[in-house]
Amino acid sequence: MEIPPPRAPGPIRARRPSALDRFHAAFPWDHNAHYHPWILRQLPARVPRALDLGSGSGDLARLPAGRAGAVHAVDRDPAITERARELTPPELPVVFTVADAAAGFPTGPYDVVTCVAALHHLPLTATLVRCRRALAPGGTLVVVGLYRPRTAVEHLLGAAAVPANAAMALIRNGGRPARRPAAMTAPTRPADTPFAEIAREAGRVLPGARLRRRLFWRYTLVWRRPPPGDGPAPERMDARPTRGR
């Protein structure tokens, strides 16, 4: 499959902070870390080689290190990558590299590829194709991503996340204002791709991919590359987006 030319990301639009933004600034908690236990449950017991795209402060890259032979973590921001190195014990088999995943991946193959809150920073189709090519047969791709809500269901899911977000923020911070964790200091941008488009491209590039909308303005994607003997994956298959909880 040919990789189409990347679509240029839209400009980062400045806006006035909302009440939710101000609350979250006073009581920060990491929405992505909320899904780390779920991510670990998708991974095999032993991971010879793993790749984490958009690794940020390295929180996720350090988690599977106990079951991995080597973890290669990539982020294009030098400052957050240096912070990740500082936070990582030297005995862990994790290597952090400053690189732009949009320009290509480190040499694989990998048994696991993870990508958390980073896919919307990258060309969608080209990145999914590279993820597929980077996986070893039988390997697993796990994505926790952001999408732009468009449908009534998505807006309702977002509305339901507001009180849950406030409750989690108060619980995680013991009801007291706190400083942002290192994971929340990396540069960010809003998502501009609707979930339906993400699901359509995932279905075309990753036949059989499982996608779900989730709380806290996230979605998840899991795909396993067919192991040897299962034959080549078809070039096209619909991914069925389902509503998550």
C-alpha atoms as a PDB file:
ATOM      1  CA  MET A   1       0.000   0.000   0.000  1.00  0.00           C
ATOM      2  CA  GLU A   2       1.406   3.373  -0.949  1.00  0.00           C
ATOM      3  CA  ILE A   3       1.635   6.042   1.732  1.00  0.00           C
ATOM      4  CA  PRO A   4      -0.288   9.129   0.614  1.00  0.00           C
ATOM      5  CA  PRO A   5       1.304  12.544   1.138  1.00  0.00           C
ATOM      6  CA  PRO A   6       0.672  13.758   4.688  1.00  0.00           C
ATOM      7  CA  ARG A   7      -2.122  16.200   5.286  1.00  0.00           C
ATOM      8  CA  ALA A   8      -0.759  19.372   6.828  1.00  0.00           C
ATOM      9  CA  PRO A   9      -2.023  19.784  10.404  1.00  0.00           C
ATOM     10  CA  GLY A  10      -4.277  22.722  11.038  1.00  0.00           C
ATOM     11  CA  PRO A  11      -2.992  25.726  12.935  1.00  0.00           C
ATOM     12  CA  ILE A  12      -3.158  25.711  16.712  1.00  0.00           C
ATOM     13  CA  ARG A  13      -6.051  28.022  17.470  1.00  0.00           C
ATOM     14  CA  ALA A  14      -5.698  30.326  20.446  1.00  0.00           C
ATOM     15  CA  ARG A  15      -8.757  30.525  22.675  1.00  0.00           C
ATOM     16  CA  ARG A  16      -9.693  31.885  26.046  1.00  0.00           C
ATOM     17  CA  PRO A  17      -9.433  29.325  28.877  1.00  0.00           C
ATOM     18  CA  SER A  18     -12.787  27.860  29.839  1.00  0.00           C
ATOM     19  CA  ALA A  19     -13.951  27.181  33.388  1.00  0.00           C
ATOM     20  CA  LEU A  20     -12.957  23.543  32.851  1.00  0.00           C
ATOM     21  CA  ASP A  21      -9.481  24.623  31.713  1.00  0.00           C
ATOM     22  CA  ARG A  22      -9.036  26.785  34.802  1.00  0.00           C
ATOM     23  CA  PHE A  23     -10.228  23.996  37.108  1.00  0.00           C
ATOM     24  CA  HIS A  24      -7.923  21.483  35.474  1.00  0.00           C
ATOM     25  CA  ALA A  25      -4.991  23.895  35.777  1.00  0.00           C
ATOM     26  CA  ALA A  26      -5.587  24.114  39.543  1.00  0.00           C
ATOM     27  CA  PHE A  27      -6.286  20.393  40.009  1.00  0.00           C
ATOM     28  CA  PRO A  28      -4.303  18.660  37.251  1.00  0.00           C
ATOM     29  CA  TRP A  29      -4.362  14.941  36.618  1.00  0.00           C
ATOM     30  CA  ASP A  30      -3.080  12.936  33.675  1.00  0.00           C
ATOM     31  CA  HIS A  31      -5.932  11.624  31.529  1.00  0.00           C
ATOM     32  CA  ASN A  32      -3.495   9.487  29.529  1.00  0.00           C
ATOM     33  CA  ALA A  33      -2.073   7.772  32.612  1.00  0.00           C
ATOM     34  CA  HIS A  34      -5.634   6.780  33.474  1.00  0.00           C
ATOM     35  CA  TYR A  35      -5.437   4.358  30.533  1.00  0.00           C
ATOM     36  CA  HIS A  36      -1.982   2.941  31.281  1.00  0.00           C
ATOM     37  CA  PRO A  37      -3.301  -0.086  33.241  1.00  0.00           C
ATOM     38  CA  TRP A  38      -5.657  -0.853  30.349  1.00  0.00           C
ATOM     39  CA  ILE A  39      -2.748  -0.611  27.881  1.00  0.00           C
ATOM     40  CA  LEU A  40      -0.664  -3.074  29.901  1.00  0.00           C
ATOM     41  CA  ARG A  41      -3.544  -5.566  29.826  1.00  0.00           C
ATOM     42  CA  GLN A  42      -3.381  -5.555  26.012  1.00  0.00           C
ATOM     43  CA  LEU A  43       0.288  -6.540  25.943  1.00  0.00           C
ATOM     44  CA  PRO A  44       1.790 -10.036  26.086  1.00  0.00           C
ATOM     45  CA  ALA A  45       3.566 -11.273  29.207  1.00  0.00           C
ATOM     46  CA  ARG A  46       6.952 -10.975  27.480  1.00  0.00           C
ATOM     47  CA  VAL A  47       7.895  -8.235  25.025  1.00  0.00           C
ATOM     48  CA  PRO A  48      11.314  -8.645  23.396  1.00  0.00           C
ATOM     49  CA  ARG A  49      11.176  -5.237  21.659  1.00  0.00           C
ATOM     50  CA  ALA A  50       8.752  -2.339  22.139  1.00  0.00           C
ATOM     51  CA  LEU A  51       8.373   1.070  20.502  1.00  0.00           C
ATOM     52  CA  ASP A  52       6.579   3.988  22.188  1.00  0.00           C
ATOM     53  CA  LEU A  53       5.700   6.864  19.853  1.00  0.00           C
ATOM     54  CA  GLY A  54       5.272  10.303  21.385  1.00  0.00           C
ATOM     55  CA  SER A  55       6.786   9.092  24.643  1.00  0.00           C
ATOM     56  CA  GLY A  56       6.696  12.439  26.461  1.00  0.00           C
ATOM     57  CA  SER A  57       8.034  12.141  30.008  1.00  0.00           C
ATOM     58  CA  GLY A  58       8.402   8.373  29.596  1.00  0.00           C
ATOM     59  CA  ASP A  59       5.696   7.255  32.034  1.00  0.00           C
ATOM     60  CA  LEU A  60       4.310   4.622  29.659  1.00  0.00           C
ATOM     61  CA  ALA A  61       7.718   3.565  28.296  1.00  0.00           C
ATOM     62  CA  ARG A  62       8.882   2.708  31.820  1.00  0.00           C
ATOM     63  CA  LEU A  63       5.833   0.583  32.666  1.00  0.00           C
ATOM     64  CA  PRO A  64       6.450  -2.424  30.371  1.00  0.00           C
ATOM     65  CA  ALA A  65      10.209  -2.304  30.969  1.00  0.00           C
ATOM     66  CA  GLY A  66       9.939  -5.134  33.503  1.00  0.00           C
ATOM     67  CA  ARG A  67       8.570  -7.484  30.850  1.00  0.00           C
ATOM     68  CA  ALA A  68      10.502  -6.090  27.874  1.00  0.00           C
ATOM     69  CA  GLY A  69      13.968  -6.842  26.574  1.00  0.00           C
ATOM     70  CA  ALA A  70      14.238  -3.325  25.133  1.00  0.00           C
ATOM     71  CA  VAL A  71      11.960  -0.290  24.850  1.00  0.00           C
ATOM     72  CA  HIS A  72      12.660   2.413  22.274  1.00  0.00           C
ATOM     73  CA  ALA A  73      10.856   5.655  23.161  1.00  0.00           C
ATOM     74  CA  VAL A  74      10.595   8.444  20.589  1.00  0.00           C
ATOM     75  CA  ASP A  75       9.463  12.055  20.956  1.00  0.00           C
ATOM     76  CA  ARG A  76      10.233  15.105  18.871  1.00  0.00           C
ATOM     77  CA  ASP A  77      10.459  17.512  21.827  1.00  0.00           C
ATOM     78  CA  PRO A  78      14.029  17.694  23.228  1.00  0.00           C
ATOM     79  CA  ALA A  79      13.039  19.195  26.585  1.00  0.00           C
ATOM     80  CA  ILE A  80      10.473  16.552  27.536  1.00  0.00           C
ATOM     81  CA  THR A  81      12.791  13.806  26.252  1.00  0.00           C
ATOM     82  CA  GLU A  82      15.590  15.019  28.504  1.00  0.00           C
ATOM     83  CA  ARG A  83      13.134  15.044  31.416  1.00  0.00           C
ATOM     84  CA  ALA A  84      12.171  11.458  30.569  1.00  0.00           C
ATOM     85  CA  ARG A  85      15.815  10.414  30.739  1.00  0.00           C
ATOM     86  CA  GLU A  86      16.167  12.087  34.147  1.00  0.00           C
ATOM     87  CA  LEU A  87      13.120  10.236  35.498  1.00  0.00           C
ATOM     88  CA  THR A  88      14.182   6.811  34.206  1.00  0.00           C
ATOM     89  CA  PRO A  89      16.364   4.554  36.403  1.00  0.00           C
ATOM     90  CA  PRO A  90      19.512   3.545  34.491  1.00  0.00           C
ATOM     91  CA  GLU A  91      18.861  -0.167  35.006  1.00  0.00           C
ATOM     92  CA  LEU A  92      15.660  -0.060  32.932  1.00  0.00           C
ATOM     93  CA  PRO A  93      16.098  -1.148  29.285  1.00  0.00           C
ATOM     94  CA  VAL A  94      14.607   2.069  27.891  1.00  0.00           C
ATOM     95  CA  VAL A  95      16.289   4.275  25.276  1.00  0.00           C
ATOM     96  CA  PHE A  96      14.859   7.744  24.600  1.00  0.00           C
ATOM     97  CA  THR A  97      15.436   9.322  21.199  1.00  0.00           C
ATOM     98  CA  VAL A  98      14.560  12.793  19.922  1.00  0.00           C
ATOM     99  CA  ALA A  99      13.012  12.206  16.511  1.00  0.00           C
ATOM    100  CA  ASP A 100       9.973  13.178  14.469  1.00  0.00           C
ATOM    101  CA  ALA A 101       7.846  10.080  13.868  1.00  0.00           C
ATOM    102  CA  ALA A 102       6.261  11.854  10.896  1.00  0.00           C
ATOM    103  CA  ALA A 103       9.589  11.476   9.084  1.00  0.00           C
ATOM    104  CA  GLY A 104       9.891   7.746   9.785  1.00  0.00           C
ATOM    105  CA  PHE A 105      10.246   5.160  12.534  1.00  0.00           C
ATOM    106  CA  PRO A 106      13.309   3.575  14.105  1.00  0.00           C
ATOM    107  CA  THR A 107      14.252   0.273  12.500  1.00  0.00           C
ATOM    108  CA  GLY A 108      12.019  -2.585  13.605  1.00  0.00           C
ATOM    109  CA  PRO A 109      10.466  -5.004  13.804  1.00  0.00           C
ATOM    110  CA  TYR A 110       8.824  -4.505  17.193  1.00  0.00           C
ATOM    111  CA  ASP A 111       6.609  -6.869  19.164  1.00  0.00           C
ATOM    112  CA  VAL A 112       4.635  -3.951  20.590  1.00  0.00           C
ATOM    113  CA  VAL A 113       4.025  -0.412  19.324  1.00  0.00           C
ATOM    114  CA  THR A 114       2.223   2.055  21.593  1.00  0.00           C
ATOM    115  CA  CYS A 115       1.067   5.578  20.805  1.00  0.00           C
ATOM    116  CA  VAL A 116      -0.723   7.652  23.461  1.00  0.00           C
ATOM    117  CA  ALA A 117      -2.137  11.122  22.757  1.00  0.00           C
ATOM    118  CA  ALA A 118       0.291  11.517  19.855  1.00  0.00           C
ATOM    119  CA  LEU A 119      -1.429  10.226  16.712  1.00  0.00           C
ATOM    120  CA  HIS A 120      -3.324  13.495  16.192  1.00  0.00           C
ATOM    121  CA  HIS A 121       0.063  15.243  15.962  1.00  0.00           C
ATOM    122  CA  LEU A 122       1.031  12.999  13.030  1.00  0.00           C
ATOM    123  CA  PRO A 123      -0.268  12.254   9.515  1.00  0.00           C
ATOM    124  CA  LEU A 124      -2.984   9.710  10.267  1.00  0.00           C
ATOM    125  CA  THR A 125      -2.824   7.279   7.348  1.00  0.00           C
ATOM    126  CA  ALA A 126       0.946   7.387   6.880  1.00  0.00           C
ATOM    127  CA  THR A 127       1.513   6.759  10.585  1.00  0.00           C
ATOM    128  CA  LEU A 128      -0.882   3.805  10.698  1.00  0.00           C
ATOM    129  CA  VAL A 129       0.897   2.288   7.680  1.00  0.00           C
ATOM    130  CA  ARG A 130       4.270   2.737   9.358  1.00  0.00           C
ATOM    131  CA  CYS A 131       2.943   1.189  12.570  1.00  0.00           C
ATOM    132  CA  ARG A 132       1.773  -1.842  10.618  1.00  0.00           C
ATOM    133  CA  ARG A 133       5.127  -2.213   8.891  1.00  0.00           C
ATOM    134  CA  ALA A 134       7.043  -1.763  12.157  1.00  0.00           C
ATOM    135  CA  LEU A 135       5.264  -4.667  13.871  1.00  0.00           C
ATOM    136  CA  ALA A 136       6.669  -8.163  13.857  1.00  0.00           C
ATOM    137  CA  PRO A 137       4.236 -10.952  12.910  1.00  0.00           C
ATOM    138  CA  GLY A 138       1.973 -11.504  15.903  1.00  0.00           C
ATOM    139  CA  GLY A 139       2.849  -8.050  17.259  1.00  0.00           C
ATOM    140  CA  THR A 140       0.391  -5.671  18.900  1.00  0.00           C
ATOM    141  CA  LEU A 141      -0.396  -2.008  18.219  1.00  0.00           C
ATOM    142  CA  VAL A 142      -2.140  -0.074  21.005  1.00  0.00           C
ATOM    143  CA  VAL A 143      -3.286   3.516  20.525  1.00  0.00           C
ATOM    144  CA  VAL A 144      -4.981   5.874  22.960  1.00  0.00           C
ATOM    145  CA  GLY A 145      -5.882   8.924  20.935  1.00  0.00           C
ATOM    146  CA  LEU A 146      -7.897  12.110  20.802  1.00  0.00           C
ATOM    147  CA  TYR A 147     -10.591  12.919  18.273  1.00  0.00           C
ATOM    148  CA  ARG A 148     -12.813  15.843  17.395  1.00  0.00           C
ATOM    149  CA  PRO A 149     -16.406  15.182  18.503  1.00  0.00           C
ATOM    150  CA  ARG A 150     -18.983  15.533  15.751  1.00  0.00           C
ATOM    151  CA  THR A 151     -21.999  13.346  16.543  1.00  0.00           C
ATOM    152  CA  ALA A 152     -24.634  13.714  19.255  1.00  0.00           C
ATOM    153  CA  VAL A 153     -23.317  10.580  20.978  1.00  0.00           C
ATOM    154  CA  GLU A 154     -19.801  12.014  21.057  1.00  0.00           C
ATOM    155  CA  HIS A 155     -20.968  15.316  22.496  1.00  0.00           C
ATOM    156  CA  LEU A 156     -22.985  13.468  25.152  1.00  0.00           C
ATOM    157  CA  LEU A 157     -19.945  11.358  26.012  1.00  0.00           C
ATOM    158  CA  GLY A 158     -17.929  14.554  26.363  1.00  0.00           C
ATOM    159  CA  ALA A 159     -20.565  16.104  28.607  1.00  0.00           C
ATOM    160  CA  ALA A 160     -20.590  12.993  30.799  1.00  0.00           C
ATOM    161  CA  ALA A 161     -16.820  13.271  31.147  1.00  0.00           C
ATOM    162  CA  VAL A 162     -16.991  16.751  32.702  1.00  0.00           C
ATOM    163  CA  PRO A 163     -18.287  15.735  36.178  1.00  0.00           C
ATOM    164  CA  ALA A 164     -16.194  12.556  36.079  1.00  0.00           C
ATOM    165  CA  ASN A 165     -13.139  14.650  35.254  1.00  0.00           C
ATOM    166  CA  ALA A 166     -13.808  16.982  38.187  1.00  0.00           C
ATOM    167  CA  ALA A 167     -14.272  14.068  40.576  1.00  0.00           C
ATOM    168  CA  MET A 168     -11.076  12.369  39.430  1.00  0.00           C
ATOM    169  CA  ALA A 169      -9.128  15.640  39.699  1.00  0.00           C
ATOM    170  CA  LEU A 170     -10.241  16.158  43.293  1.00  0.00           C
ATOM    171  CA  ILE A 171      -9.592  12.540  44.256  1.00  0.00           C
ATOM    172  CA  ARG A 172      -6.146  12.366  42.636  1.00  0.00           C
ATOM    173  CA  ASN A 173      -5.068  15.650  44.246  1.00  0.00           C
ATOM    174  CA  GLY A 174      -6.633  15.045  47.648  1.00  0.00           C
ATOM    175  CA  GLY A 175      -8.913  18.051  47.169  1.00  0.00           C
ATOM    176  CA  ARG A 176      -5.938  20.446  47.112  1.00  0.00           C
ATOM    177  CA  PRO A 177      -4.463  22.472  44.235  1.00  0.00           C
ATOM    178  CA  ALA A 178      -1.316  20.854  42.841  1.00  0.00           C
ATOM    179  CA  ARG A 179       1.455  21.348  40.334  1.00  0.00           C
ATOM    180  CA  ARG A 180       1.248  19.717  36.932  1.00  0.00           C
ATOM    181  CA  PRO A 181       3.023  16.349  36.664  1.00  0.00           C
ATOM    182  CA  ALA A 182       5.921  16.088  34.233  1.00  0.00           C
ATOM    183  CA  ALA A 183       3.745  14.211  31.747  1.00  0.00           C
ATOM    184  CA  MET A 184       1.533  17.285  31.353  1.00  0.00           C
ATOM    185  CA  THR A 185       4.365  19.677  30.455  1.00  0.00           C
ATOM    186  CA  ALA A 186       4.862  18.408  26.896  1.00  0.00           C
ATOM    187  CA  PRO A 187       3.577  20.556  23.999  1.00  0.00           C
ATOM    188  CA  THR A 188       0.013  19.683  22.974  1.00  0.00           C
ATOM    189  CA  ARG A 189      -2.513  20.595  20.314  1.00  0.00           C
ATOM    190  CA  PRO A 190      -6.260  19.939  19.939  1.00  0.00           C
ATOM    191  CA  ALA A 191      -7.432  17.049  17.795  1.00  0.00           C
ATOM    192  CA  ASP A 192      -9.087  17.975  14.496  1.00  0.00           C
ATOM    193  CA  THR A 193      -9.934  14.537  13.019  1.00  0.00           C
ATOM    194  CA  PRO A 194     -13.396  13.037  13.682  1.00  0.00           C
ATOM    195  CA  PHE A 195     -13.635   9.542  15.116  1.00  0.00           C
ATOM    196  CA  ALA A 196     -15.462   8.275  12.023  1.00  0.00           C
ATOM    197  CA  GLU A 197     -12.522   9.247   9.803  1.00  0.00           C
ATOM    198  CA  ILE A 198     -10.026   7.617  12.172  1.00  0.00           C
ATOM    199  CA  ALA A 199     -12.085   4.419  12.190  1.00  0.00           C
ATOM    200  CA  ARG A 200     -12.375   4.414   8.402  1.00  0.00           C
ATOM    201  CA  GLU A 201      -8.636   4.776   7.868  1.00  0.00           C
ATOM    202  CA  ALA A 202      -7.840   2.220  10.569  1.00  0.00           C
ATOM    203  CA  GLY A 203     -10.184  -0.255   8.902  1.00  0.00           C
ATOM    204  CA  ARG A 204      -8.473   0.255   5.566  1.00  0.00           C
ATOM    205  CA  VAL A 205      -4.889   0.069   6.833  1.00  0.00           C
ATOM    206  CA  LEU A 206      -5.326  -2.299   9.813  1.00  0.00           C
ATOM    207  CA  PRO A 207      -7.965  -4.910   8.927  1.00  0.00           C
ATOM    208  CA  GLY A 208      -9.790  -6.079  12.038  1.00  0.00           C
ATOM    209  CA  ALA A 209      -8.686  -3.153  14.224  1.00  0.00           C
ATOM    210  CA  ARG A 210     -10.848  -2.668  17.335  1.00  0.00           C
ATOM    211  CA  LEU A 211     -11.784   0.937  18.110  1.00  0.00           C
ATOM    212  CA  ARG A 212     -13.862   2.339  20.963  1.00  0.00           C
ATOM    213  CA  ARG A 213     -14.792   5.798  22.111  1.00  0.00           C
ATOM    214  CA  ARG A 214     -13.785   6.313  25.730  1.00  0.00           C
ATOM    215  CA  LEU A 215     -14.346   8.734  28.567  1.00  0.00           C
ATOM    216  CA  PHE A 216     -12.134  11.793  28.995  1.00  0.00           C
ATOM    217  CA  TRP A 217     -12.178  12.696  25.300  1.00  0.00           C
ATOM    218  CA  ARG A 218     -10.202   9.653  24.217  1.00  0.00           C
ATOM    219  CA  TYR A 219     -10.579   6.637  21.943  1.00  0.00           C
ATOM    220  CA  THR A 220      -8.664   3.364  21.894  1.00  0.00           C
ATOM    221  CA  LEU A 221      -7.409   1.227  19.034  1.00  0.00           C
ATOM    222  CA  VAL A 222      -5.960  -2.286  19.254  1.00  0.00           C
ATOM    223  CA  TRP A 223      -4.632  -4.252  16.302  1.00  0.00           C
ATOM    224  CA  ARG A 224      -2.617  -7.451  16.164  1.00  0.00           C
ATOM    225  CA  ARG A 225      -0.609  -8.307  13.098  1.00  0.00           C
ATOM    226  CA  PRO A 226      -1.443 -11.818  11.926  1.00  0.00           C
ATOM    227  CA  PRO A 227       1.180 -14.359  13.009  1.00  0.00           C
ATOM    228  CA  PRO A 228       3.056 -16.512  10.480  1.00  0.00           C
ATOM    229  CA  GLY A 229       0.819 -19.084   8.850  1.00  0.00           C
ATOM    230  CA  ASP A 230      -2.341 -16.995   9.008  1.00  0.00           C
ATOM    231  CA  GLY A 231      -1.695 -15.655   5.519  1.00  0.00           C
ATOM    232  CA  PRO A 232      -1.433 -12.013   4.385  1.00  0.00           C
ATOM    233  CA  ALA A 233      -3.926  -9.556   5.837  1.00  0.00           C
ATOM    234  CA  PRO A 234      -6.487  -8.286   3.332  1.00  0.00           C
ATOM    235  CA  GLU A 235      -5.877  -4.767   2.117  1.00  0.00           C
ATOM    236  CA  ARG A 236      -9.331  -3.571   3.116  1.00  0.00           C
ATOM    237  CA  MET A 237     -11.752  -4.378   5.888  1.00  0.00           C
ATOM    238  CA  ASP A 238     -14.216  -2.189   7.739  1.00  0.00           C
ATOM    239  CA  ALA A 239     -13.398  -1.282  11.350  1.00  0.00           C
ATOM    240  CA  ARG A 240     -16.571  -1.054  13.359  1.00  0.00           C
ATOM    241  CA  PRO A 241     -16.447   1.883  15.780  1.00  0.00           C
ATOM    242  CA  THR A 242     -18.253   1.101  19.012  1.00  0.00           C
ATOM    243  CA  ARG A 243     -19.167   3.235  21.927  1.00  0.00           C
ATOM    244  CA  GLY A 244     -16.843   2.809  24.904  1.00  0.00           C
ATOM    245  CA  ARG A 245     -17.377   3.221  28.598  1.00  0.00           C
END
